[in-house]
Amino acid sequence: MSAAPRKVLIMEDAVFIRAMERRFLESAGFEIVGETNSEKECVELYRKLQPDLLIADLALAEGTGGGAI
């Protein structure tokens, strides 16, 4: 019996980086439960989805990304 995949939320404003992160994490057995490019939406998604892991861009075009953490 295998364990359920770990749930991941990605906060990244660069679309191509977000896509690379998604492919890498999915190939490693993680489940991507949400993606966003904003701190505000990240906080909302985190509360709603309750992921096991947050991958956060700390240099967002709008904000530092640290506000979501």
PDB file of N, CA and C in Angstrom:
ATOM      1  N   MET A   1       0.851  -1.179   0.000  1.00  0.00           N
ATOM      2  CA  MET A   1       0.000   0.000   0.000  1.00  0.00           C
ATOM      3  C   MET A   1       0.892   1.236   0.000  1.00  0.00           C
ATOM      4  N   SER A   2       0.708   2.118  -0.979  1.00  0.00           N
ATOM      5  CA  SER A   2       1.537   3.319  -1.058  1.00  0.00           C
ATOM      6  C   SER A   2       0.837   4.494  -0.390  1.00  0.00           C
ATOM      7  N   ALA A   3       1.647   5.421   0.085  1.00  0.00           N
ATOM      8  CA  ALA A   3       1.110   6.614   0.738  1.00  0.00           C
ATOM      9  C   ALA A   3       0.497   7.541  -0.307  1.00  0.00           C
ATOM     10  N   ALA A   4      -0.455   8.342   0.133  1.00  0.00           N
ATOM     11  CA  ALA A   4      -1.072   9.330  -0.762  1.00  0.00           C
ATOM     12  C   ALA A   4      -0.022  10.352  -1.166  1.00  0.00           C
ATOM     13  N   PRO A   5      -0.118  10.875  -2.393  1.00  0.00           N
ATOM     14  CA  PRO A   5       0.851  11.879  -2.823  1.00  0.00           C
ATOM     15  C   PRO A   5       0.766  13.130  -1.950  1.00  0.00           C
ATOM     16  N   ARG A   6       1.892  13.740  -1.719  1.00  0.00           N
ATOM     17  CA  ARG A   6       1.929  14.994  -0.972  1.00  0.00           C
ATOM     18  C   ARG A   6       1.315  16.087  -1.825  1.00  0.00           C
ATOM     19  N   LYS A   7       0.476  16.921  -1.206  1.00  0.00           N
ATOM     20  CA  LYS A   7      -0.204  18.010  -1.910  1.00  0.00           C
ATOM     21  C   LYS A   7       0.684  19.254  -1.906  1.00  0.00           C
ATOM     22  N   VAL A   8       0.805  19.894  -3.082  1.00  0.00           N
ATOM     23  CA  VAL A   8       1.677  21.053  -3.241  1.00  0.00           C
ATOM     24  C   VAL A   8       0.902  22.222  -3.836  1.00  0.00           C
ATOM     25  N   LEU A   9       1.169  23.405  -3.301  1.00  0.00           N
ATOM     26  CA  LEU A   9       0.668  24.672  -3.846  1.00  0.00           C
ATOM     27  C   LEU A   9       1.868  25.440  -4.366  1.00  0.00           C
ATOM     28  N   ILE A  10       1.783  25.942  -5.595  1.00  0.00           N
ATOM     29  CA  ILE A  10       2.878  26.687  -6.212  1.00  0.00           C
ATOM     30  C   ILE A  10       2.481  28.152  -6.355  1.00  0.00           C
ATOM     31  N   MET A  11       3.336  29.058  -5.832  1.00  0.00           N
ATOM     32  CA  MET A  11       3.162  30.507  -6.031  1.00  0.00           C
ATOM     33  C   MET A  11       4.362  30.990  -6.833  1.00  0.00           C
ATOM     34  N   GLU A  12       4.139  31.261  -8.105  1.00  0.00           N
ATOM     35  CA  GLU A  12       5.208  31.662  -9.025  1.00  0.00           C
ATOM     36  C   GLU A  12       4.594  32.514 -10.127  1.00  0.00           C
ATOM     37  N   ASP A  13       5.192  33.683 -10.404  1.00  0.00           N
ATOM     38  CA  ASP A  13       4.614  34.544 -11.434  1.00  0.00           C
ATOM     39  C   ASP A  13       5.165  34.276 -12.831  1.00  0.00           C
ATOM     40  N   ALA A  14       6.280  33.596 -12.952  1.00  0.00           N
ATOM     41  CA  ALA A  14       6.824  33.258 -14.267  1.00  0.00           C
ATOM     42  C   ALA A  14       6.197  31.939 -14.728  1.00  0.00           C
ATOM     43  N   VAL A  15       5.405  32.022 -15.788  1.00  0.00           N
ATOM     44  CA  VAL A  15       4.632  30.870 -16.262  1.00  0.00           C
ATOM     45  C   VAL A  15       5.543  29.693 -16.608  1.00  0.00           C
ATOM     46  N   PHE A  16       6.657  29.943 -17.283  1.00  0.00           N
ATOM     47  CA  PHE A  16       7.529  28.836 -17.695  1.00  0.00           C
ATOM     48  C   PHE A  16       8.190  28.162 -16.492  1.00  0.00           C
ATOM     49  N   ILE A  17       8.523  28.922 -15.451  1.00  0.00           N
ATOM     50  CA  ILE A  17       9.112  28.327 -14.242  1.00  0.00           C
ATOM     51  C   ILE A  17       8.055  27.506 -13.511  1.00  0.00           C
ATOM     52  N   ARG A  18       6.851  28.044 -13.432  1.00  0.00           N
ATOM     53  CA  ARG A  18       5.760  27.318 -12.783  1.00  0.00           C
ATOM     54  C   ARG A  18       5.510  25.986 -13.493  1.00  0.00           C
ATOM     55  N   ALA A  19       5.556  25.989 -14.817  1.00  0.00           N
ATOM     56  CA  ALA A  19       5.355  24.758 -15.585  1.00  0.00           C
ATOM     57  C   ALA A  19       6.476  23.756 -15.319  1.00  0.00           C
ATOM     58  N   MET A  20       7.709  24.237 -15.225  1.00  0.00           N
ATOM     59  CA  MET A  20       8.843  23.350 -14.929  1.00  0.00           C
ATOM     60  C   MET A  20       8.717  22.761 -13.531  1.00  0.00           C
ATOM     61  N   GLU A  21       8.334  23.601 -12.566  1.00  0.00           N
ATOM     62  CA  GLU A  21       8.151  23.122 -11.193  1.00  0.00           C
ATOM     63  C   GLU A  21       7.065  22.052 -11.149  1.00  0.00           C
ATOM     64  N   ARG A  22       5.975  22.303 -11.856  1.00  0.00           N
ATOM     65  CA  ARG A  22       4.860  21.345 -11.902  1.00  0.00           C
ATOM     66  C   ARG A  22       5.331  20.003 -12.454  1.00  0.00           C
ATOM     67  N   ARG A  23       6.001  20.026 -13.611  1.00  0.00           N
ATOM     68  CA  ARG A  23       6.466  18.778 -14.228  1.00  0.00           C
ATOM     69  C   ARG A  23       7.427  18.023 -13.306  1.00  0.00           C
ATOM     70  N   PHE A  24       8.368  18.752 -12.716  1.00  0.00           N
ATOM     71  CA  PHE A  24       9.344  18.121 -11.829  1.00  0.00           C
ATOM     72  C   PHE A  24       8.659  17.476 -10.622  1.00  0.00           C
ATOM     73  N   LEU A  25       7.787  18.230  -9.972  1.00  0.00           N
ATOM     74  CA  LEU A  25       7.119  17.726  -8.773  1.00  0.00           C
ATOM     75  C   LEU A  25       6.189  16.557  -9.085  1.00  0.00           C
ATOM     76  N   GLU A  26       5.441  16.651 -10.183  1.00  0.00           N
ATOM     77  CA  GLU A  26       4.552  15.549 -10.553  1.00  0.00           C
ATOM     78  C   GLU A  26       5.354  14.294 -10.884  1.00  0.00           C
ATOM     79  N   SER A  27       6.496  14.459 -11.545  1.00  0.00           N
ATOM     80  CA  SER A  27       7.316  13.288 -11.878  1.00  0.00           C
ATOM     81  C   SER A  27       7.908  12.650 -10.626  1.00  0.00           C
ATOM     82  N   ALA A  28       8.003  13.419  -9.547  1.00  0.00           N
ATOM     83  CA  ALA A  28       8.504  12.901  -8.271  1.00  0.00           C
ATOM     84  C   ALA A  28       7.375  12.364  -7.394  1.00  0.00           C
ATOM     85  N   GLY A  29       6.141  12.374  -7.915  1.00  0.00           N
ATOM     86  CA  GLY A  29       5.018  11.787  -7.194  1.00  0.00           C
ATOM     87  C   GLY A  29       4.179  12.752  -6.372  1.00  0.00           C
ATOM     88  N   PHE A  30       4.429  14.062  -6.512  1.00  0.00           N
ATOM     89  CA  PHE A  30       3.643  15.046  -5.782  1.00  0.00           C
ATOM     90  C   PHE A  30       2.366  15.373  -6.554  1.00  0.00           C
ATOM     91  N   GLU A  31       1.338  15.794  -5.845  1.00  0.00           N
ATOM     92  CA  GLU A  31       0.081  16.228  -6.448  1.00  0.00           C
ATOM     93  C   GLU A  31       0.001  17.746  -6.347  1.00  0.00           C
ATOM     94  N   ILE A  32      -0.084  18.428  -7.482  1.00  0.00           N
ATOM     95  CA  ILE A  32      -0.213  19.882  -7.494  1.00  0.00           C
ATOM     96  C   ILE A  32      -1.690  20.206  -7.317  1.00  0.00           C
ATOM     97  N   VAL A  33      -2.016  20.825  -6.178  1.00  0.00           N
ATOM     98  CA  VAL A  33      -3.421  21.116  -5.884  1.00  0.00           C
ATOM     99  C   VAL A  33      -3.806  22.542  -6.243  1.00  0.00           C
ATOM    100  N   GLY A  34      -2.811  23.401  -6.511  1.00  0.00           N
ATOM    101  CA  GLY A  34      -3.118  24.778  -6.875  1.00  0.00           C
ATOM    102  C   GLY A  34      -1.894  25.517  -7.356  1.00  0.00           C
ATOM    103  N   GLU A  35      -2.144  26.538  -8.166  1.00  0.00           N
ATOM    104  CA  GLU A  35      -1.093  27.414  -8.678  1.00  0.00           C
ATOM    105  C   GLU A  35      -1.611  28.843  -8.643  1.00  0.00           C
ATOM    106  N   THR A  36      -0.726  29.773  -8.344  1.00  0.00           N
ATOM    107  CA  THR A  36      -1.096  31.183  -8.336  1.00  0.00           C
ATOM    108  C   THR A  36       0.132  32.036  -8.615  1.00  0.00           C
ATOM    109  N   ASN A  37      -0.124  33.298  -8.945  1.00  0.00           N
ATOM    110  CA  ASN A  37       0.965  34.242  -9.144  1.00  0.00           C
ATOM    111  C   ASN A  37       0.841  35.437  -8.205  1.00  0.00           C
ATOM    112  N   SER A  38      -0.009  35.327  -7.183  1.00  0.00           N
ATOM    113  CA  SER A  38      -0.176  36.446  -6.255  1.00  0.00           C
ATOM    114  C   SER A  38      -0.175  35.982  -4.801  1.00  0.00           C
ATOM    115  N   GLU A  39       0.338  36.860  -3.941  1.00  0.00           N
ATOM    116  CA  GLU A  39       0.366  36.560  -2.506  1.00  0.00           C
ATOM    117  C   GLU A  39      -1.039  36.388  -1.943  1.00  0.00           C
ATOM    118  N   LYS A  40      -1.925  37.307  -2.297  1.00  0.00           N
ATOM    119  CA  LYS A  40      -3.287  37.279  -1.751  1.00  0.00           C
ATOM    120  C   LYS A  40      -3.993  35.976  -2.101  1.00  0.00           C
ATOM    121  N   GLU A  41      -3.935  35.599  -3.368  1.00  0.00           N
ATOM    122  CA  GLU A  41      -4.584  34.360  -3.785  1.00  0.00           C
ATOM    123  C   GLU A  41      -3.898  33.153  -3.146  1.00  0.00           C
ATOM    124  N   CYS A  42      -2.590  33.228  -2.953  1.00  0.00           N
ATOM    125  CA  CYS A  42      -1.859  32.135  -2.320  1.00  0.00           C
ATOM    126  C   CYS A  42      -2.386  31.871  -0.910  1.00  0.00           C
ATOM    127  N   VAL A  43      -2.579  32.933  -0.147  1.00  0.00           N
ATOM    128  CA  VAL A  43      -3.097  32.778   1.215  1.00  0.00           C
ATOM    129  C   VAL A  43      -4.490  32.151   1.179  1.00  0.00           C
ATOM    130  N   GLU A  44      -5.333  32.607   0.257  1.00  0.00           N
ATOM    131  CA  GLU A  44      -6.688  32.058   0.140  1.00  0.00           C
ATOM    132  C   GLU A  44      -6.649  30.576  -0.245  1.00  0.00           C
ATOM    133  N   LEU A  45      -5.805  30.243  -1.234  1.00  0.00           N
ATOM    134  CA  LEU A  45      -5.702  28.855  -1.663  1.00  0.00           C
ATOM    135  C   LEU A  45      -5.111  27.971  -0.572  1.00  0.00           C
ATOM    136  N   TYR A  46      -4.139  28.496   0.152  1.00  0.00           N
ATOM    137  CA  TYR A  46      -3.517  27.714   1.219  1.00  0.00           C
ATOM    138  C   TYR A  46      -4.557  27.342   2.281  1.00  0.00           C
ATOM    139  N   ARG A  47      -5.357  28.321   2.664  1.00  0.00           N
ATOM    140  CA  ARG A  47      -6.394  28.058   3.666  1.00  0.00           C
ATOM    141  C   ARG A  47      -7.435  27.055   3.150  1.00  0.00           C
ATOM    142  N   LYS A  48      -7.798  27.180   1.884  1.00  0.00           N
ATOM    143  CA  LYS A  48      -8.820  26.318   1.300  1.00  0.00           C
ATOM    144  C   LYS A  48      -8.299  24.904   1.034  1.00  0.00           C
ATOM    145  N   LEU A  49      -7.094  24.787   0.453  1.00  0.00           N
ATOM    146  CA  LEU A  49      -6.582  23.500  -0.012  1.00  0.00           C
ATOM    147  C   LEU A  49      -5.743  22.750   1.016  1.00  0.00           C
ATOM    148  N   GLN A  50      -5.188  23.464   1.986  1.00  0.00           N
ATOM    149  CA  GLN A  50      -4.342  22.897   3.033  1.00  0.00           C
ATOM    150  C   GLN A  50      -3.268  21.956   2.470  1.00  0.00           C
ATOM    151  N   PRO A  51      -2.380  22.495   1.626  1.00  0.00           N
ATOM    152  CA  PRO A  51      -1.325  21.650   1.047  1.00  0.00           C
ATOM    153  C   PRO A  51      -0.285  21.246   2.094  1.00  0.00           C
ATOM    154  N   ASP A  52       0.455  20.201   1.774  1.00  0.00           N
ATOM    155  CA  ASP A  52       1.553  19.759   2.633  1.00  0.00           C
ATOM    156  C   ASP A  52       2.800  20.609   2.415  1.00  0.00           C
ATOM    157  N   LEU A  53       2.901  21.204   1.221  1.00  0.00           N
ATOM    158  CA  LEU A  53       4.095  21.947   0.834  1.00  0.00           C
ATOM    159  C   LEU A  53       3.706  23.165   0.011  1.00  0.00           C
ATOM    160  N   LEU A  54       4.390  24.286   0.255  1.00  0.00           N
ATOM    161  CA  LEU A  54       4.216  25.498  -0.541  1.00  0.00           C
ATOM    162  C   LEU A  54       5.538  25.815  -1.218  1.00  0.00           C
ATOM    163  N   ILE A  55       5.514  25.891  -2.551  1.00  0.00           N
ATOM    164  CA  ILE A  55       6.676  26.333  -3.311  1.00  0.00           C
ATOM    165  C   ILE A  55       6.416  27.804  -3.621  1.00  0.00           C
ATOM    166  N   ALA A  56       7.243  28.707  -3.057  1.00  0.00           N
ATOM    167  CA  ALA A  56       6.966  30.144  -3.157  1.00  0.00           C
ATOM    168  C   ALA A  56       8.098  30.899  -3.829  1.00  0.00           C
ATOM    169  N   ASP A  57       7.737  31.713  -4.797  1.00  0.00           N
ATOM    170  CA  ASP A  57       8.650  32.658  -5.427  1.00  0.00           C
ATOM    171  C   ASP A  57       8.753  33.863  -4.490  1.00  0.00           C
ATOM    172  N   LEU A  58       9.943  34.144  -4.000  1.00  0.00           N
ATOM    173  CA  LEU A  58      10.115  35.263  -3.069  1.00  0.00           C
ATOM    174  C   LEU A  58      10.441  36.563  -3.775  1.00  0.00           C
ATOM    175  N   ALA A  59      10.421  36.555  -5.108  1.00  0.00           N
ATOM    176  CA  ALA A  59      10.693  37.764  -5.883  1.00  0.00           C
ATOM    177  C   ALA A  59       9.598  37.959  -6.933  1.00  0.00           C
ATOM    178  N   LEU A  60       8.353  38.026  -6.467  1.00  0.00           N
ATOM    179  CA  LEU A  60       7.229  38.239  -7.373  1.00  0.00           C
ATOM    180  C   LEU A  60       7.285  39.647  -7.969  1.00  0.00           C
ATOM    181  N   ALA A  61       6.717  39.798  -9.154  1.00  0.00           N
ATOM    182  CA  ALA A  61       6.654  41.121  -9.785  1.00  0.00           C
ATOM    183  C   ALA A  61       5.848  42.088  -8.928  1.00  0.00           C
ATOM    184  N   GLU A  62       4.810  41.580  -8.285  1.00  0.00           N
ATOM    185  CA  GLU A  62       3.967  42.402  -7.391  1.00  0.00           C
ATOM    186  C   GLU A  62       4.101  41.874  -5.979  1.00  0.00           C
ATOM    187  N   GLY A  63       5.015  42.411  -5.228  1.00  0.00           N
ATOM    188  CA  GLY A  63       5.226  41.966  -3.842  1.00  0.00           C
ATOM    189  C   GLY A  63       6.454  41.083  -3.733  1.00  0.00           C
ATOM    190  N   THR A  64       6.749  40.698  -2.509  1.00  0.00           N
ATOM    191  CA  THR A  64       7.950  39.906  -2.272  1.00  0.00           C
ATOM    192  C   THR A  64       7.703  38.423  -2.253  1.00  0.00           C
ATOM    193  N   GLY A  65       6.466  38.006  -2.140  1.00  0.00           N
ATOM    194  CA  GLY A  65       6.159  36.598  -2.012  1.00  0.00           C
ATOM    195  C   GLY A  65       6.227  36.153  -0.564  1.00  0.00           C
ATOM    196  N   GLY A  66       7.027  36.841   0.236  1.00  0.00           N
ATOM    197  CA  GLY A  66       7.169  36.518   1.641  1.00  0.00           C
ATOM    198  C   GLY A  66       5.930  36.809   2.450  1.00  0.00           C
ATOM    199  N   GLY A  67       5.078  37.687   1.961  1.00  0.00           N
ATOM    200  CA  GLY A  67       3.849  38.022   2.669  1.00  0.00           C
ATOM    201  C   GLY A  67       2.903  36.833   2.776  1.00  0.00           C
ATOM    202  N   ALA A  68       3.008  35.898   1.856  1.00  0.00           N
ATOM    203  CA  ALA A  68       2.152  34.718   1.889  1.00  0.00           C
ATOM    204  C   ALA A  68       2.657  33.681   2.887  1.00  0.00           C
ATOM    205  N   ILE A  69       3.923  33.763   3.195  1.00  0.00           N
ATOM    206  CA  ILE A  69       4.518  32.780   4.096  1.00  0.00           C
ATOM    207  C   ILE A  69       4.288  33.203   5.517  1.00  0.00           C
TER     208      ILE A  69
END
